[in-house]
Amino acid sequence: MSPRPHSSGARPGARSRPGPDDLRRTFEAVPARTSGDDEPFADSWWGRAWVTALEDLSMDAPRLARGRAYADSGNVAAITVTPGRVVAYVHGSRPRPYRAELRLRTLTDPDWDTFLDAVAARPGHLAALLAKEMPHSLADTAAAAGITLLPAADDLDPGCSCPDRGWPCKHVAALCYQMARLLDADPFVLLLLRGRGERELVEDLGRRNAAHSARERPAAPATPSVPAQEALSDRFLPPLPAPFPVEPHPGRPPSYPEFPGARDPLALDQLATDAAARAHALLSTGTDPIAGLTAWQDAVRLAAARPTAGLTATTRALYRELASATGRNTTDLARAVAAWRQGGAEGLTVLETPWDPPAGPFDRARPALAAAGFPRFQPWRNHLTHPGGTLQLRFGHDGRWYGYESDPGEDEWWPRAAPDSDPVGALLELSGG
């Protein structure tokens, strides 16, 4: 089982990556706790209510204790929450993690209308939700309207890919305990489980609250009005002329003279050329080609854009500038450039970040290689290494296999060949077969 990060015991924040329409949120893996076993998993009353539902569901205290220990040790990977379901991979006693999930009944549209109307009628409820709080009075308001937000034991439907038939098994129990910590930080996670995303709920509650306030506000006397365009027509400035057409090419920047203490003019030329190309792309497409890249990824992208790899004065100057700016050396940058040219940003991730792929294509790779007549490869995380120690395949998050090569007796792996969704094809490309 691969090591997982540890922390000082700080409770998790609601850091997540929202999915389409805010109906899919994936939370980072929660680090292991360093506090005592007797500390509750949840501080909030609604988080503790979630734990109570879990413990009422289980008839097996030892399984619960094992699941709590897994959660305490940071064995639960990233958690994905969608309407009616929460899923995560949980590391147990075996090398491969198990897929644990928990289902919860979602509210119907009439239920949501009833609940949201009741909440919108009380501005304090909306303010509490925006502050990531769920006061008792909000749950009481929902209950008075016949809506149940917090789960009871019979609302939770567990499932896991492990062979244990416990109800729930220790992997699902670990997932449930970690869910309590997420609910602590953000009650909107519970509302997402019940069927609605945060963005939709806030917008809907805002509209209902405004409509409710308007109904309660006395009507103002009607006053005559004039359209703004008509009232200001004599003050309008003449329309601006049409913009000049975008040039077909970004053009070249001016040359930079050398003077003592200046940056290398060849590197400045390359950086200015890239800035001109980005500006041209923004003007012509409205999209920045480097949006979302880190400083290191952008440095690798810039270096990879050169047609040569350290063979010209311009390229060497650019490598020195970029390596210095990112705190790396030129060898690191050259290796990263090879990975970028192999597979872009994903290729760089494959180079720098080992990970534990779930069961599936990775597990089928070694039998496929053996069937093709190759010797038995040694697995480590997402790597498969040839017993000769000079060839290696790495499995990417995009489902493709990336070929790597090293000199005999060395542990310096360099990206080679184009990635392939078939491990046999990737190895043939790598070995020239």
Protein backbone atom coordinates (compact mmCIF):
# COMPACT_ATOMS: atom_id res chain seq x y z
CA MET A 1 0.00 0.00 0.00
CA SER A 2 1.49 3.35 -0.98
CA PRO A 3 2.11 6.01 1.70
CA ARG A 4 -0.44 8.76 2.11
CA PRO A 5 0.16 12.30 3.37
CA HIS A 6 -0.10 13.19 7.04
CA SER A 7 -0.84 16.56 8.60
CA SER A 8 -0.98 18.26 11.96
CA GLY A 9 -4.60 17.26 12.38
CA ALA A 10 -6.30 20.35 10.94
CA ARG A 11 -9.86 19.78 9.91
CA PRO A 12 -10.49 19.76 6.13
CA GLY A 13 -11.77 22.77 4.29
CA ALA A 14 -14.41 22.55 1.57
CA ARG A 15 -11.83 22.46 -1.17
CA SER A 16 -13.34 20.73 -4.13
CA ARG A 17 -13.41 20.77 -7.87
CA PRO A 18 -16.99 21.53 -9.01
CA GLY A 19 -18.26 19.56 -11.97
CA PRO A 20 -20.74 20.46 -14.72
CA ASP A 21 -23.71 22.48 -13.43
CA ASP A 22 -22.27 22.20 -9.90
CA LEU A 23 -23.79 18.70 -9.54
CA ARG A 24 -20.48 16.85 -9.15
CA ARG A 25 -17.94 17.83 -6.51
CA THR A 26 -14.70 15.96 -5.96
CA PHE A 27 -12.96 16.65 -2.65
CA GLU A 28 -9.27 16.13 -2.09
CA ALA A 29 -8.23 13.20 0.08
CA VAL A 30 -8.51 14.12 3.76
CA PRO A 31 -5.15 13.72 5.57
CA ALA A 32 -4.69 11.42 8.53
CA ARG A 33 -5.64 12.78 11.94
CA THR A 34 -3.11 13.15 14.76
CA SER A 35 -5.71 13.70 17.48
CA GLY A 36 -6.92 11.03 19.91
CA ASP A 37 -9.36 8.30 18.97
CA ASP A 38 -11.95 9.67 21.38
CA GLU A 39 -12.30 13.00 19.51
CA PRO A 40 -15.56 13.08 17.54
CA PHE A 41 -15.28 13.02 13.76
CA ALA A 42 -17.72 15.91 13.43
CA ASP A 43 -17.95 19.22 15.33
CA SER A 44 -21.29 20.37 13.93
CA TRP A 45 -24.61 18.93 15.05
CA TRP A 46 -25.50 17.99 11.46
CA GLY A 47 -22.15 16.20 10.99
CA ARG A 48 -22.76 14.28 14.22
CA ALA A 49 -26.27 13.42 12.98
CA TRP A 50 -24.65 11.86 9.90
CA VAL A 51 -22.36 9.75 12.11
CA THR A 52 -25.35 8.70 14.21
CA ALA A 53 -27.17 7.50 11.07
CA LEU A 54 -24.11 5.43 10.12
CA GLU A 55 -23.76 3.89 13.56
CA ASP A 56 -27.50 3.12 13.71
CA LEU A 57 -27.22 1.41 10.31
CA SER A 58 -24.44 -0.92 11.47
CA MET A 59 -24.98 -3.97 13.63
CA ASP A 60 -21.23 -4.67 13.83
CA ALA A 61 -19.21 -2.46 16.21
CA PRO A 62 -15.80 -4.02 15.26
CA ARG A 63 -16.36 -3.14 11.58
CA LEU A 64 -17.22 0.42 12.56
CA ALA A 65 -14.09 0.65 14.68
CA ARG A 66 -11.97 -0.64 11.78
CA GLY A 67 -13.59 1.85 9.40
CA ARG A 68 -12.94 4.69 11.84
CA ALA A 69 -9.29 3.61 12.07
CA TYR A 70 -9.04 3.63 8.25
CA ALA A 71 -10.49 7.13 8.17
CA ASP A 72 -8.18 8.28 10.99
CA SER A 73 -5.16 6.95 9.06
CA GLY A 74 -6.03 8.81 5.85
CA ASN A 75 -6.91 5.65 3.90
CA VAL A 76 -9.82 7.32 2.07
CA ALA A 77 -8.83 8.78 -1.31
CA ALA A 78 -10.61 11.67 -3.07
CA ILE A 79 -14.38 11.72 -2.43
CA THR A 80 -16.84 12.45 -5.26
CA VAL A 81 -20.34 13.64 -4.36
CA THR A 82 -23.24 13.68 -6.84
CA PRO A 83 -27.01 13.77 -6.28
CA GLY A 84 -27.94 10.69 -4.31
CA ARG A 85 -24.46 9.16 -4.20
CA VAL A 86 -20.98 9.54 -2.69
CA VAL A 87 -18.03 7.46 -3.99
CA ALA A 88 -14.36 7.04 -3.00
CA TYR A 89 -11.56 4.50 -3.25
CA VAL A 90 -10.52 3.22 0.19
CA HIS A 91 -7.15 1.58 0.89
CA GLY A 92 -7.46 -1.52 3.03
CA SER A 93 -5.03 -4.29 3.95
CA ARG A 94 -4.43 -5.23 0.30
CA PRO A 95 -2.38 -3.25 -2.24
CA ARG A 96 -5.36 -2.38 -4.46
CA PRO A 97 -7.98 0.01 -3.07
CA TYR A 98 -11.69 -0.84 -2.99
CA ARG A 99 -14.47 1.28 -4.49
CA ALA A 100 -16.86 2.24 -1.70
CA GLU A 101 -20.11 4.08 -2.27
CA LEU A 102 -23.14 5.23 -0.35
CA ARG A 103 -26.53 6.09 -1.80
CA LEU A 104 -29.09 8.47 -0.31
CA ARG A 105 -32.62 9.21 -1.51
CA THR A 106 -32.93 12.56 -3.35
CA LEU A 107 -35.80 15.00 -2.83
CA THR A 108 -38.49 15.32 -5.49
CA ASP A 109 -39.11 18.65 -7.27
CA PRO A 110 -42.28 19.30 -5.20
CA ASP A 111 -40.24 18.58 -2.04
CA TRP A 112 -37.64 21.12 -3.12
CA ASP A 113 -40.30 23.76 -3.88
CA THR A 114 -41.83 23.27 -0.45
CA PHE A 115 -38.45 23.39 1.30
CA LEU A 116 -37.08 26.40 -0.62
CA ASP A 117 -40.27 28.42 -0.13
CA ALA A 118 -40.08 27.77 3.60
CA VAL A 119 -36.39 28.77 3.76
CA ALA A 120 -36.83 31.89 1.61
CA ALA A 121 -39.54 33.15 3.95
CA ARG A 122 -36.92 33.39 6.71
CA PRO A 123 -33.88 35.49 5.62
CA GLY A 124 -31.83 34.15 8.52
CA HIS A 125 -31.85 30.69 6.99
CA LEU A 126 -30.35 31.92 3.72
CA ALA A 127 -27.70 33.94 5.59
CA ALA A 128 -26.77 30.87 7.65
CA LEU A 129 -26.38 28.67 4.57
CA LEU A 130 -24.17 31.26 2.87
CA ALA A 131 -22.01 31.21 6.01
CA LYS A 132 -21.76 27.39 5.67
CA GLU A 133 -23.98 26.83 8.71
CA MET A 134 -27.14 24.77 9.17
CA PRO A 135 -28.99 25.98 12.27
CA HIS A 136 -31.38 23.66 14.06
CA SER A 137 -34.19 26.03 13.09
CA LEU A 138 -33.54 25.39 9.38
CA ALA A 139 -33.88 21.63 9.83
CA ASP A 140 -36.96 22.27 11.99
CA THR A 141 -38.46 24.44 9.22
CA ALA A 142 -37.86 21.65 6.72
CA ALA A 143 -39.34 19.04 9.05
CA ALA A 144 -42.42 21.21 9.62
CA ALA A 145 -42.89 21.23 5.84
CA GLY A 146 -42.60 17.44 5.75
CA ILE A 147 -39.05 17.42 4.33
CA THR A 148 -36.26 15.32 5.89
CA LEU A 149 -32.77 16.68 5.22
CA LEU A 150 -30.66 14.61 7.59
CA PRO A 151 -30.57 10.87 6.94
CA ALA A 152 -31.91 8.14 9.16
CA ALA A 153 -30.31 4.71 9.17
CA ASP A 154 -32.80 3.32 6.64
CA ASP A 155 -32.00 6.16 4.19
CA LEU A 156 -28.38 5.01 3.65
CA ASP A 157 -27.68 2.29 1.08
CA PRO A 158 -24.00 1.16 1.17
CA GLY A 159 -22.01 -0.75 -1.46
CA CYS A 160 -18.36 -1.79 -1.92
CA SER A 161 -16.22 -3.81 -4.34
CA CYS A 162 -14.62 -5.75 -1.47
CA PRO A 163 -15.68 -9.36 -0.66
CA ASP A 164 -16.86 -8.40 2.85
CA ARG A 165 -20.66 -8.61 3.11
CA GLY A 166 -20.86 -6.45 6.23
CA TRP A 167 -23.67 -3.91 6.38
CA PRO A 168 -21.78 -1.70 5.99
CA CYS A 169 -18.24 -3.03 5.48
CA LYS A 170 -15.28 -1.24 7.04
CA HIS A 171 -14.45 0.57 3.76
CA VAL A 172 -17.91 2.14 3.52
CA ALA A 173 -17.73 2.97 7.23
CA ALA A 174 -14.42 4.81 6.62
CA LEU A 175 -16.04 6.75 3.76
CA CYS A 176 -18.99 7.68 6.00
CA TYR A 177 -16.74 8.98 8.76
CA GLN A 178 -14.84 11.15 6.29
CA MET A 179 -18.13 12.42 4.87
CA ALA A 180 -18.98 13.73 8.33
CA ARG A 181 -15.86 15.92 8.18
CA LEU A 182 -16.86 17.28 4.77
CA LEU A 183 -20.38 18.04 6.00
CA ASP A 184 -18.85 19.86 8.97
CA ALA A 185 -17.11 22.26 6.60
CA ASP A 186 -19.96 22.71 4.10
CA PRO A 187 -23.63 21.76 4.64
CA PHE A 188 -24.23 22.31 0.91
CA VAL A 189 -22.62 18.86 0.47
CA LEU A 190 -25.68 17.37 2.22
CA LEU A 191 -28.02 19.39 -0.01
CA LEU A 192 -26.12 18.15 -3.09
CA LEU A 193 -26.61 14.59 -1.88
CA ARG A 194 -30.31 15.37 -1.66
CA GLY A 195 -30.30 16.47 -5.31
CA ARG A 196 -29.43 20.17 -5.82
CA GLY A 197 -26.08 21.96 -6.33
CA GLU A 198 -24.97 25.02 -4.36
CA ARG A 199 -25.06 27.46 -7.28
CA GLU A 200 -28.61 26.51 -8.26
CA LEU A 201 -29.80 26.62 -4.64
CA VAL A 202 -28.33 30.05 -3.89
CA GLU A 203 -29.77 31.55 -7.09
CA ASP A 204 -33.18 29.96 -6.48
CA LEU A 205 -33.28 31.05 -2.83
CA GLY A 206 -32.26 34.58 -3.83
CA ARG A 207 -35.13 34.82 -6.33
CA ARG A 208 -37.66 33.39 -3.88
CA ASN A 209 -36.45 35.66 -1.09
CA ALA A 210 -36.73 38.73 -3.32
CA ALA A 211 -40.23 37.72 -4.42
CA HIS A 212 -41.25 37.11 -0.81
CA SER A 213 -39.89 40.52 0.24
CA ALA A 214 -41.70 42.23 -2.63
CA ARG A 215 -45.00 40.68 -1.56
CA GLU A 216 -44.53 42.00 1.97
CA ARG A 217 -43.36 45.50 0.91
CA PRO A 218 -46.14 48.11 0.48
CA ALA A 219 -46.66 49.12 -3.15
CA ALA A 220 -44.96 52.40 -4.10
CA PRO A 221 -47.01 55.03 -5.94
CA ALA A 222 -46.59 54.86 -9.68
CA THR A 223 -44.33 57.56 -11.17
CA PRO A 224 -43.92 58.40 -14.83
CA SER A 225 -40.71 57.15 -16.38
CA VAL A 226 -38.76 57.71 -19.56
CA PRO A 227 -36.45 55.13 -21.16
CA ALA A 228 -32.83 55.98 -20.40
CA GLN A 229 -31.84 55.91 -24.08
CA GLU A 230 -34.50 58.50 -24.90
CA ALA A 231 -33.62 60.72 -21.93
CA LEU A 232 -29.91 60.74 -22.76
CA SER A 233 -30.11 60.62 -26.54
CA ASP A 234 -28.71 64.13 -26.98
CA ARG A 235 -25.76 63.32 -24.69
CA PHE A 236 -24.59 60.13 -26.36
CA LEU A 237 -21.12 60.14 -27.82
CA PRO A 238 -20.81 59.09 -31.44
CA PRO A 239 -20.24 55.34 -31.82
CA LEU A 240 -16.68 54.11 -31.82
CA PRO A 241 -15.21 53.07 -35.15
CA ALA A 242 -14.94 49.39 -35.94
CA PRO A 243 -11.72 47.79 -34.64
CA PHE A 244 -8.93 47.10 -37.06
CA PRO A 245 -8.92 43.54 -38.42
CA VAL A 246 -6.68 41.04 -36.65
CA GLU A 247 -3.43 40.47 -38.49
CA PRO A 248 -3.08 36.96 -40.00
CA HIS A 249 0.13 36.41 -37.99
CA PRO A 250 1.32 37.80 -34.64
CA GLY A 251 4.48 39.24 -36.16
CA ARG A 252 7.95 39.56 -34.70
CA PRO A 253 9.02 41.72 -31.72
CA PRO A 254 11.79 44.31 -32.10
CA SER A 255 15.40 43.25 -31.63
CA TYR A 256 16.99 43.79 -28.21
CA PRO A 257 20.47 45.33 -28.00
CA GLU A 258 22.98 43.83 -25.59
CA PHE A 259 24.29 45.90 -22.69
CA PRO A 260 26.15 44.96 -19.48
CA GLY A 261 23.94 43.30 -16.85
CA ALA A 262 20.99 42.82 -19.23
CA ARG A 263 18.98 39.63 -19.62
CA ASP A 264 20.03 37.45 -22.50
CA PRO A 265 18.49 39.14 -25.60
CA LEU A 266 17.93 35.77 -27.31
CA ALA A 267 15.80 34.55 -24.40
CA LEU A 268 13.92 37.87 -24.28
CA ASP A 269 13.23 37.54 -27.98
CA GLN A 270 11.67 34.11 -27.46
CA LEU A 271 9.55 35.29 -24.51
CA ALA A 272 8.33 38.37 -26.40
CA THR A 273 7.48 36.23 -29.42
CA ASP A 274 5.43 33.91 -27.22
CA ALA A 275 3.64 36.91 -25.64
CA ALA A 276 2.78 38.21 -29.12
CA ALA A 277 1.42 34.77 -30.12
CA ARG A 278 -0.73 34.63 -26.97
CA ALA A 279 -2.07 38.14 -27.60
CA HIS A 280 -2.89 37.17 -31.17
CA ALA A 281 -4.73 34.06 -29.97
CA LEU A 282 -6.74 36.14 -27.49
CA LEU A 283 -7.71 38.63 -30.20
CA SER A 284 -8.65 36.02 -32.78
CA THR A 285 -10.22 33.31 -30.58
CA GLY A 286 -10.94 34.92 -27.23
CA THR A 287 -9.03 32.11 -25.47
CA ASP A 288 -5.68 32.28 -23.66
CA PRO A 289 -3.71 29.16 -24.71
CA ILE A 290 -1.96 28.92 -21.31
CA ALA A 291 -5.02 29.38 -19.08
CA GLY A 292 -4.82 27.06 -16.07
CA LEU A 293 -1.10 26.24 -16.35
CA THR A 294 1.22 26.57 -13.36
CA ALA A 295 4.42 28.61 -13.64
CA TRP A 296 6.44 25.38 -14.06
CA GLN A 297 4.08 23.98 -16.70
CA ASP A 298 4.23 27.26 -18.60
CA ALA A 299 8.04 27.27 -18.44
CA VAL A 300 8.12 23.72 -19.85
CA ARG A 301 5.61 24.71 -22.56
CA LEU A 302 7.81 27.66 -23.58
CA ALA A 303 10.94 25.52 -23.74
CA ALA A 304 9.12 22.75 -25.65
CA ALA A 305 7.99 25.27 -28.28
CA ARG A 306 11.55 25.57 -29.57
CA PRO A 307 12.18 23.28 -32.56
CA THR A 308 15.56 22.14 -31.16
CA ALA A 309 16.55 20.76 -27.76
CA GLY A 310 19.52 22.72 -26.41
CA LEU A 311 21.45 22.76 -29.70
CA THR A 312 21.32 26.48 -30.50
CA ALA A 313 22.39 29.59 -28.61
CA THR A 314 18.79 30.79 -28.48
CA THR A 315 17.55 27.54 -26.94
CA ARG A 316 20.38 27.34 -24.42
CA ALA A 317 19.72 30.93 -23.33
CA LEU A 318 16.01 30.27 -22.97
CA TYR A 319 16.64 27.08 -20.95
CA ARG A 320 18.94 28.96 -18.57
CA GLU A 321 16.37 31.73 -18.05
CA LEU A 322 13.44 29.37 -17.51
CA ALA A 323 15.34 26.97 -15.25
CA SER A 324 16.57 29.87 -13.10
CA ALA A 325 13.10 31.43 -12.87
CA THR A 326 11.51 28.15 -11.68
CA GLY A 327 14.27 26.99 -9.33
CA ARG A 328 15.18 23.96 -11.48
CA ASN A 329 18.29 22.99 -13.39
CA THR A 330 18.55 22.67 -17.16
CA THR A 331 18.59 18.85 -16.99
CA ASP A 332 15.25 18.87 -15.13
CA LEU A 333 13.87 21.23 -17.74
CA ALA A 334 15.15 19.14 -20.65
CA ARG A 335 13.55 15.99 -19.21
CA ALA A 336 10.27 17.87 -18.64
CA VAL A 337 10.37 19.19 -22.22
CA ALA A 338 10.70 15.62 -23.50
CA ALA A 339 7.62 14.68 -21.43
CA TRP A 340 5.67 17.71 -22.72
CA ARG A 341 6.48 16.84 -26.32
CA GLN A 342 5.43 13.27 -25.57
CA GLY A 343 1.99 14.09 -24.12
CA GLY A 344 1.52 17.78 -23.24
CA ALA A 345 0.47 18.65 -19.69
CA GLU A 346 -0.58 15.03 -19.02
CA GLY A 347 2.82 13.81 -20.20
CA LEU A 348 4.47 16.14 -17.65
CA THR A 349 2.17 14.81 -14.92
CA VAL A 350 3.12 11.22 -15.83
CA LEU A 351 6.80 12.15 -15.53
CA GLU A 352 6.54 13.87 -12.15
CA THR A 353 3.62 12.33 -10.22
CA PRO A 354 3.30 8.58 -9.52
CA TRP A 355 -0.24 7.52 -8.59
CA ASP A 356 -2.29 4.42 -7.79
CA PRO A 357 -4.63 3.62 -10.69
CA PRO A 358 -7.88 1.82 -9.85
CA ALA A 359 -8.43 -1.76 -10.88
CA GLY A 360 -8.96 -2.18 -14.62
CA PRO A 361 -6.68 -1.38 -17.58
CA PHE A 362 -3.54 -1.24 -15.44
CA ASP A 363 -4.13 -4.75 -14.05
CA ARG A 364 -4.78 -6.15 -17.54
CA ALA A 365 -1.52 -4.79 -18.93
CA ARG A 366 0.88 -7.40 -17.56
CA PRO A 367 -1.12 -10.41 -18.89
CA ALA A 368 -1.36 -8.64 -22.27
CA LEU A 369 2.42 -8.10 -22.37
CA ALA A 370 3.07 -11.71 -21.34
CA ALA A 371 0.71 -12.96 -24.07
CA ALA A 372 2.70 -10.91 -26.60
CA GLY A 373 5.89 -12.73 -25.58
CA PHE A 374 7.45 -10.06 -23.35
CA PRO A 375 9.05 -10.98 -19.99
CA ARG A 376 7.21 -10.32 -16.74
CA PHE A 377 7.22 -6.60 -15.92
CA GLN A 378 7.59 -5.37 -12.33
CA PRO A 379 4.73 -3.10 -11.12
CA TRP A 380 5.08 -0.09 -8.82
CA ARG A 381 2.13 2.29 -8.52
CA ASN A 382 1.40 3.33 -12.16
CA HIS A 383 4.78 2.06 -13.46
CA LEU A 384 5.64 -1.25 -15.17
CA THR A 385 9.40 -1.83 -15.47
CA HIS A 386 11.15 -4.31 -17.77
CA PRO A 387 13.25 -6.82 -15.78
CA GLY A 388 16.27 -5.62 -17.73
CA GLY A 389 15.85 -2.20 -16.09
CA THR A 390 16.11 -0.13 -19.27
CA LEU A 391 12.48 0.08 -20.46
CA GLN A 392 9.43 1.25 -18.55
CA LEU A 393 5.75 1.96 -19.20
CA ARG A 394 3.80 4.50 -17.17
CA PHE A 395 0.01 4.61 -17.09
CA GLY A 396 -1.50 8.11 -17.37
CA HIS A 397 -4.76 9.53 -16.06
CA ASP A 398 -5.85 9.76 -19.72
CA GLY A 399 -5.77 5.93 -20.04
CA ARG A 400 -2.66 5.90 -22.25
CA TRP A 401 0.71 4.19 -21.73
CA TYR A 402 3.83 6.37 -21.86
CA GLY A 403 7.18 4.82 -22.78
CA TYR A 404 10.37 5.58 -20.78
CA GLU A 405 13.99 4.51 -21.23
CA SER A 406 17.04 4.47 -18.96
CA ASP A 407 20.69 3.56 -19.42
CA PRO A 408 21.69 0.17 -17.93
CA GLY A 409 22.31 0.41 -14.20
CA GLU A 410 20.95 3.96 -14.00
CA ASP A 411 17.73 5.26 -12.46
CA GLU A 412 17.41 8.26 -14.78
CA TRP A 413 14.23 7.67 -16.81
CA TRP A 414 13.57 9.73 -19.93
CA PRO A 415 10.33 9.89 -21.92
CA ARG A 416 10.57 8.16 -25.29
CA ALA A 417 8.09 7.45 -28.12
CA ALA A 418 4.44 8.43 -28.48
CA PRO A 419 1.89 7.25 -25.88
CA ASP A 420 -0.56 4.50 -26.80
CA SER A 421 -3.80 3.22 -25.27
CA ASP A 422 -2.46 -0.35 -25.81
CA PRO A 423 0.52 -1.31 -23.58
CA VAL A 424 1.82 -3.73 -26.20
CA GLY A 425 1.73 -1.05 -28.88
CA ALA A 426 3.46 1.42 -26.56
CA LEU A 427 6.23 -1.08 -25.77
CA LEU A 428 6.73 -1.95 -29.46
CA GLU A 429 7.01 1.75 -30.27
CA LEU A 430 9.48 2.21 -27.42
CA SER A 431 11.67 -0.78 -28.33
CA GLY A 432 11.48 -0.16 -32.05
CA GLY A 433 9.73 -3.51 -32.60
